[in-house]
Amino acid sequence: MTLKKYFWPVIGAVTIAISAWLLYKELRGLSFDDLHDSLSRIPADSWISAGLCSLAAYAALAGYDRIALMHLGRKVNWLFIAIASFTAYALSHNVGASVISGGMVRYRAYSSKGLSAREIGGLIAMCSFTFLLGAALLVGLVLVLEPDIPERFVDLLPIGASTATGFLILALVGLYALASLLRLRPLRMGTFQVTYPAPRVVLPQLLVGPLELIGAAGIIYFALPDVGNPGFVVVLGVFLVSFSAALISHAPGGLGVLELVFVMGLPEMDQADVIAALLVFRLFYLLIPLVIALPVIPIFERLQFRAGQGPGGGGEG
């Protein structure tokens, strides 16, 4: 049990160390003055656009929870969903191990609304699946539009993909949507059963999942200069690879991993400009949401405590 407890934190720490070393090798010629100049050259309208992209991304993340609750047949106030989702993702994006860190926040929040532990587990699983579905849809589209993107990572990641791979991924996503529309029977694999959600759940999934990732990638895109910029589709593709590597690494905030993969994925751009754009991303997508979210937890707990001290001590909040 002790080994299991420390396994992922150790993996995250080792990943950060290796990524930091590789990133140092990539950026050893980069000076602080170069980075400062790159940040100062980002125009005001790009900062505003990056901020709006962050708002769109977090609005879509709230949609993850809403879709999951819809699938479970539970009704919860939209404002409560937005706050719970924002807090869960703001913490999990920074802390890492999103299922655990975000799951703790969701359990405390949604249990106060009468959801059982099993339902909350189903909600978390549905949120994760919506993310994976959105990522798969975008990966398929990017591979169809820009099939050369995997070649940008041949020196770092063993990625083999092509236009055909993109069409295959899109076909699988299409089959999932078609199975829902046709209301096919659950897919059984031994004792495991997959029940297709209703169309009213699947259609928002296909919209909300990609929107969150497009918003997050948009933060970086708008912070990058026009010189050498390969276009949004390429930036989105590089972001999908970088963000996925950061999640798999279990490193808090994907520290070092995101930067390393992104720098290698955009060799045509000035390294200082890429790092500056990633700093903007970390500011809008990680740090500002974390600062906003941290006070939410003690406020919520105080409200729950006061509700529990009231007549009947129900603590539903």
Protein backbone atom coordinates (compact mmCIF):
# COMPACT_ATOMS: atom_id res chain seq x y z
CA MET A 1 0.00 0.00 0.00
CA THR A 2 2.89 2.36 0.84
CA LEU A 3 4.57 1.73 -2.52
CA LYS A 4 1.30 2.38 -4.35
CA LYS A 5 0.83 5.63 -2.43
CA TYR A 6 4.18 7.04 -3.56
CA PHE A 7 4.34 5.49 -7.05
CA TRP A 8 2.75 8.30 -9.10
CA PRO A 9 4.36 11.16 -7.15
CA VAL A 10 7.75 9.53 -7.76
CA ILE A 11 6.94 9.04 -11.45
CA GLY A 12 5.94 12.71 -11.68
CA ALA A 13 9.11 13.88 -9.96
CA VAL A 14 11.34 11.74 -12.19
CA THR A 15 9.50 12.96 -15.29
CA ILE A 16 10.01 16.59 -14.26
CA ALA A 17 13.72 15.98 -13.67
CA ILE A 18 14.26 14.28 -17.03
CA SER A 19 12.17 16.89 -18.87
CA ALA A 20 14.03 19.72 -17.15
CA TRP A 21 17.36 18.25 -18.24
CA LEU A 22 16.22 17.77 -21.84
CA LEU A 23 14.65 21.21 -21.88
CA TYR A 24 17.88 22.73 -20.59
CA LYS A 25 19.73 21.12 -23.48
CA GLU A 26 17.20 22.60 -25.90
CA LEU A 27 17.19 26.10 -24.38
CA ARG A 28 20.75 26.55 -23.07
CA GLY A 29 21.30 29.39 -25.54
CA LEU A 30 18.18 31.24 -24.38
CA SER A 31 18.67 34.23 -22.06
CA PHE A 32 16.27 35.95 -19.69
CA ASP A 33 16.51 39.10 -21.81
CA ASP A 34 15.34 37.14 -24.87
CA LEU A 35 12.34 35.87 -22.94
CA HIS A 36 11.56 39.31 -21.54
CA ASP A 37 11.69 40.82 -25.03
CA SER A 38 9.34 38.13 -26.38
CA LEU A 39 6.80 38.77 -23.62
CA SER A 40 6.97 42.54 -24.12
CA ARG A 41 6.29 42.15 -27.84
CA ILE A 42 2.95 40.42 -27.29
CA PRO A 43 0.34 43.08 -28.23
CA ALA A 44 -2.56 44.01 -25.98
CA ASP A 45 -5.19 42.49 -28.29
CA SER A 46 -3.34 39.15 -28.14
CA TRP A 47 -3.45 39.23 -24.34
CA ILE A 48 -7.19 39.90 -24.51
CA SER A 49 -7.74 37.11 -27.04
CA ALA A 50 -5.74 34.69 -24.90
CA GLY A 51 -7.85 35.62 -21.86
CA LEU A 52 -11.09 35.06 -23.80
CA CYS A 53 -9.82 31.66 -24.94
CA SER A 54 -9.19 30.75 -21.30
CA LEU A 55 -12.76 31.71 -20.40
CA ALA A 56 -14.09 29.61 -23.28
CA ALA A 57 -11.99 26.62 -22.17
CA TYR A 58 -13.22 26.75 -18.57
CA ALA A 59 -16.83 27.28 -19.70
CA ALA A 60 -16.48 24.10 -21.75
CA LEU A 61 -15.00 22.29 -18.73
CA ALA A 62 -18.16 23.16 -16.78
CA GLY A 63 -20.03 21.58 -19.68
CA TYR A 64 -18.21 18.30 -18.94
CA ASP A 65 -19.88 18.10 -15.53
CA ARG A 66 -23.24 19.21 -16.92
CA ILE A 67 -23.17 16.48 -19.57
CA ALA A 68 -22.22 13.85 -16.98
CA LEU A 69 -25.07 14.89 -14.70
CA MET A 70 -27.43 14.80 -17.65
CA HIS A 71 -26.28 11.24 -18.38
CA LEU A 72 -26.89 10.29 -14.74
CA GLY A 73 -30.33 11.90 -14.79
CA ARG A 74 -29.49 14.25 -11.93
CA LYS A 75 -30.37 17.93 -11.84
CA VAL A 76 -28.01 20.37 -10.13
CA ASN A 77 -28.01 24.16 -10.26
CA TRP A 78 -25.93 25.42 -13.19
CA LEU A 79 -24.03 27.97 -11.06
CA PHE A 80 -23.10 25.24 -8.57
CA ILE A 81 -21.87 23.03 -11.43
CA ALA A 82 -19.77 25.86 -12.86
CA ILE A 83 -18.11 26.62 -9.51
CA ALA A 84 -17.52 22.95 -8.64
CA SER A 85 -16.10 22.17 -12.08
CA PHE A 86 -13.91 25.29 -12.15
CA THR A 87 -12.47 24.52 -8.72
CA ALA A 88 -11.87 20.83 -9.52
CA TYR A 89 -10.07 21.55 -12.79
CA ALA A 90 -8.12 24.54 -11.48
CA LEU A 91 -6.68 22.32 -8.73
CA SER A 92 -6.15 19.18 -10.81
CA HIS A 93 -4.43 21.06 -13.65
CA ASN A 94 -1.88 22.42 -11.19
CA VAL A 95 -1.51 19.51 -8.77
CA GLY A 96 -1.55 16.67 -11.29
CA ALA A 97 -3.19 13.22 -10.86
CA SER A 98 -6.43 14.85 -12.02
CA VAL A 99 -8.73 11.91 -11.26
CA ILE A 100 -7.65 12.00 -7.59
CA SER A 101 -7.25 15.73 -6.95
CA GLY A 102 -10.26 16.77 -9.00
CA GLY A 103 -12.22 13.76 -7.76
CA MET A 104 -11.85 14.83 -4.13
CA VAL A 105 -13.31 18.24 -4.92
CA ARG A 106 -16.18 16.72 -6.90
CA TYR A 107 -16.96 14.19 -4.20
CA ARG A 108 -17.21 16.87 -1.53
CA ALA A 109 -19.28 19.15 -3.78
CA TYR A 110 -21.73 16.71 -5.35
CA SER A 111 -22.24 14.59 -2.24
CA SER A 112 -23.69 17.75 -0.70
CA LYS A 113 -26.27 17.62 -3.49
CA GLY A 114 -27.30 14.07 -2.70
CA LEU A 115 -25.21 12.15 -5.23
CA SER A 116 -23.90 8.79 -4.05
CA ALA A 117 -20.24 7.79 -4.25
CA ARG A 118 -21.09 5.50 -7.17
CA GLU A 119 -22.81 8.33 -9.04
CA ILE A 120 -19.87 10.66 -8.44
CA GLY A 121 -17.53 7.95 -9.72
CA GLY A 122 -19.70 7.70 -12.83
CA LEU A 123 -19.62 11.49 -13.21
CA ILE A 124 -15.82 11.57 -13.05
CA ALA A 125 -15.56 8.71 -15.56
CA MET A 126 -17.97 10.48 -17.92
CA CYS A 127 -16.01 13.74 -17.69
CA SER A 128 -12.80 11.87 -18.54
CA PHE A 129 -14.49 10.13 -21.47
CA THR A 130 -15.83 13.43 -22.82
CA PHE A 131 -12.28 14.80 -22.76
CA LEU A 132 -10.92 11.71 -24.54
CA LEU A 133 -13.71 11.87 -27.12
CA GLY A 134 -13.01 15.54 -27.82
CA ALA A 135 -9.28 14.88 -28.05
CA ALA A 136 -9.84 11.96 -30.44
CA LEU A 137 -12.09 14.06 -32.66
CA LEU A 138 -9.52 16.86 -32.86
CA VAL A 139 -6.59 14.46 -33.39
CA GLY A 140 -8.48 12.89 -36.28
CA LEU A 141 -9.23 16.27 -37.85
CA VAL A 142 -5.66 17.53 -37.38
CA LEU A 143 -4.18 14.40 -38.96
CA VAL A 144 -6.48 14.79 -41.95
CA LEU A 145 -5.67 18.48 -42.37
CA GLU A 146 -1.97 18.37 -41.36
CA PRO A 147 -0.72 14.76 -41.72
CA ASP A 148 2.93 15.82 -41.33
CA ILE A 149 2.56 16.85 -37.68
CA PRO A 150 3.83 13.50 -36.26
CA GLU A 151 7.14 14.10 -38.07
CA ARG A 152 7.77 17.04 -35.73
CA PHE A 153 8.22 14.62 -32.81
CA VAL A 154 10.22 11.76 -34.33
CA ASP A 155 13.25 12.63 -32.17
CA LEU A 156 11.24 12.65 -28.95
CA LEU A 157 8.15 10.45 -29.18
CA PRO A 158 7.53 7.22 -31.14
CA ILE A 159 4.51 8.59 -32.96
CA GLY A 160 3.42 6.92 -36.17
CA ALA A 161 0.32 8.37 -37.79
CA SER A 162 -0.97 9.47 -41.17
CA THR A 163 -4.02 10.80 -42.96
CA ALA A 164 -5.44 7.28 -42.92
CA THR A 165 -5.04 7.22 -39.14
CA GLY A 166 -6.99 10.46 -38.94
CA PHE A 167 -9.85 9.08 -41.01
CA LEU A 168 -9.89 5.91 -38.90
CA ILE A 169 -10.16 7.91 -35.68
CA LEU A 170 -12.95 10.04 -37.14
CA ALA A 171 -14.75 6.89 -38.27
CA LEU A 172 -14.60 5.46 -34.73
CA VAL A 173 -15.99 8.69 -33.29
CA GLY A 174 -18.70 8.62 -35.95
CA LEU A 175 -19.60 5.01 -35.07
CA TYR A 176 -19.95 6.01 -31.42
CA ALA A 177 -22.33 8.83 -32.36
CA LEU A 178 -24.24 6.56 -34.78
CA ALA A 179 -24.64 3.85 -32.13
CA SER A 180 -26.17 6.47 -29.85
CA LEU A 181 -28.52 7.81 -32.54
CA LEU A 182 -29.65 4.28 -33.45
CA ARG A 183 -29.97 3.39 -29.76
CA LEU A 184 -28.02 0.15 -30.20
CA ARG A 185 -27.87 -2.44 -27.45
CA PRO A 186 -25.06 -2.16 -24.88
CA LEU A 187 -21.71 -3.55 -26.01
CA ARG A 188 -20.72 -6.54 -23.86
CA MET A 189 -17.16 -7.78 -23.39
CA GLY A 190 -17.30 -10.60 -20.87
CA THR A 191 -18.64 -9.13 -17.64
CA PHE A 192 -17.89 -5.59 -18.87
CA GLN A 193 -20.73 -3.64 -20.47
CA VAL A 194 -20.66 -0.37 -22.39
CA THR A 195 -23.98 1.47 -22.59
CA TYR A 196 -24.23 4.13 -25.27
CA PRO A 197 -25.45 7.48 -23.92
CA ALA A 198 -28.57 9.10 -25.35
CA PRO A 199 -28.16 11.48 -28.33
CA ARG A 200 -28.92 14.44 -26.04
CA VAL A 201 -25.70 13.53 -24.20
CA VAL A 202 -23.51 12.52 -27.15
CA LEU A 203 -24.12 15.58 -29.31
CA PRO A 204 -23.02 18.05 -26.59
CA GLN A 205 -19.99 15.80 -25.95
CA LEU A 206 -18.90 16.25 -29.57
CA LEU A 207 -19.14 20.02 -29.15
CA VAL A 208 -17.90 20.66 -25.62
CA GLY A 209 -14.89 18.29 -25.68
CA PRO A 210 -13.23 19.92 -28.71
CA LEU A 211 -14.18 23.43 -27.56
CA GLU A 212 -12.19 23.10 -24.33
CA LEU A 213 -9.05 21.96 -26.14
CA ILE A 214 -9.43 24.56 -28.90
CA GLY A 215 -9.78 27.27 -26.24
CA ALA A 216 -6.68 26.07 -24.38
CA ALA A 217 -4.64 25.87 -27.59
CA GLY A 218 -5.95 29.30 -28.58
CA ILE A 219 -4.24 30.86 -25.55
CA ILE A 220 -0.87 29.78 -26.92
CA TYR A 221 -1.72 30.57 -30.54
CA PHE A 222 -2.65 34.19 -29.82
CA ALA A 223 0.43 34.67 -27.64
CA LEU A 224 2.73 33.51 -30.47
CA PRO A 225 4.02 36.12 -32.97
CA ASP A 226 3.11 36.02 -36.66
CA VAL A 227 6.73 35.48 -37.70
CA GLY A 228 7.26 31.76 -38.29
CA ASN A 229 3.77 30.92 -36.98
CA PRO A 230 2.67 27.71 -38.78
CA GLY A 231 -1.05 28.41 -38.26
CA PHE A 232 -3.70 27.39 -35.76
CA VAL A 233 -4.18 23.80 -36.94
CA VAL A 234 -0.47 23.01 -36.47
CA VAL A 235 -0.37 24.79 -33.09
CA LEU A 236 -3.47 22.81 -32.08
CA GLY A 237 -1.83 19.55 -33.16
CA VAL A 238 1.37 20.33 -31.24
CA PHE A 239 -0.74 21.31 -28.22
CA LEU A 240 -2.65 18.00 -28.31
CA VAL A 241 0.60 16.03 -28.27
CA SER A 242 2.15 18.28 -25.58
CA PHE A 243 -0.92 18.34 -23.35
CA SER A 244 -1.38 14.56 -23.62
CA ALA A 245 2.28 13.98 -22.73
CA ALA A 246 1.89 16.33 -19.75
CA LEU A 247 -1.18 14.43 -18.50
CA ILE A 248 0.47 11.03 -18.93
CA SER A 249 3.56 12.22 -17.06
CA HIS A 250 1.53 13.01 -13.89
CA ALA A 251 3.89 15.95 -13.39
CA PRO A 252 2.14 18.81 -11.54
CA GLY A 253 0.95 21.22 -14.21
CA GLY A 254 2.89 19.18 -16.77
CA LEU A 255 5.90 21.20 -15.63
CA GLY A 256 8.78 20.82 -18.05
CA VAL A 257 7.00 18.21 -20.15
CA LEU A 258 4.68 20.67 -21.87
CA GLU A 259 7.54 23.07 -22.61
CA LEU A 260 9.88 20.39 -23.91
CA VAL A 261 7.38 18.85 -26.34
CA PHE A 262 6.13 22.24 -27.51
CA VAL A 263 9.59 23.63 -28.22
CA MET A 264 10.47 20.53 -30.22
CA GLY A 265 7.12 20.65 -32.02
CA LEU A 266 7.65 24.21 -33.30
CA PRO A 267 11.25 24.21 -34.59
CA GLU A 268 10.48 26.97 -37.12
CA MET A 269 9.76 29.49 -34.34
CA ASP A 270 12.09 31.40 -32.05
CA GLN A 271 12.44 29.44 -28.79
CA ALA A 272 12.02 32.55 -26.66
CA ASP A 273 8.70 33.30 -28.38
CA VAL A 274 7.46 29.75 -27.76
CA ILE A 275 8.43 29.80 -24.08
CA ALA A 276 6.83 33.25 -23.68
CA ALA A 277 3.58 31.94 -25.18
CA LEU A 278 3.66 28.96 -22.81
CA LEU A 279 4.15 31.33 -19.86
CA VAL A 280 1.01 33.17 -20.98
CA PHE A 281 -0.75 29.79 -21.16
CA ARG A 282 0.34 28.89 -17.65
CA LEU A 283 -0.80 32.29 -16.40
CA PHE A 284 -4.30 32.16 -17.91
CA TYR A 285 -4.99 28.40 -17.82
CA LEU A 286 -3.22 27.42 -14.58
CA LEU A 287 -2.17 30.19 -12.20
CA ILE A 288 -5.07 32.68 -12.37
CA PRO A 289 -7.72 29.91 -12.08
CA LEU A 290 -5.81 28.42 -9.13
CA VAL A 291 -5.71 31.77 -7.31
CA ILE A 292 -9.46 32.18 -7.87
CA ALA A 293 -10.29 28.59 -6.90
CA LEU A 294 -8.31 28.33 -3.65
CA PRO A 295 -10.72 30.48 -1.56
CA VAL A 296 -13.74 28.55 -2.89
CA ILE A 297 -13.00 25.44 -0.81
CA PRO A 298 -12.90 27.10 2.66
CA ILE A 299 -15.95 29.21 1.76
CA PHE A 300 -17.85 26.08 0.71
CA GLU A 301 -16.82 24.21 3.87
CA ARG A 302 -17.90 27.15 6.04
CA LEU A 303 -21.29 27.24 4.32
CA GLN A 304 -21.66 23.48 4.80
CA PHE A 305 -20.73 23.78 8.46
CA ARG A 306 -23.24 26.58 9.01
CA ALA A 307 -25.94 24.62 7.18
CA GLY A 308 -25.18 21.60 9.34
CA GLN A 309 -25.58 23.70 12.48
CA GLY A 310 -28.99 24.95 11.38
CA PRO A 311 -32.41 23.45 12.14
CA GLY A 312 -32.34 19.76 11.27
CA GLY A 313 -28.55 19.79 10.60
CA GLY A 314 -29.07 18.49 7.07
CA GLY A 315 -26.00 20.08 5.53
CA GLU A 316 -27.36 19.84 1.98
CA GLY A 317 -25.95 23.24 0.92
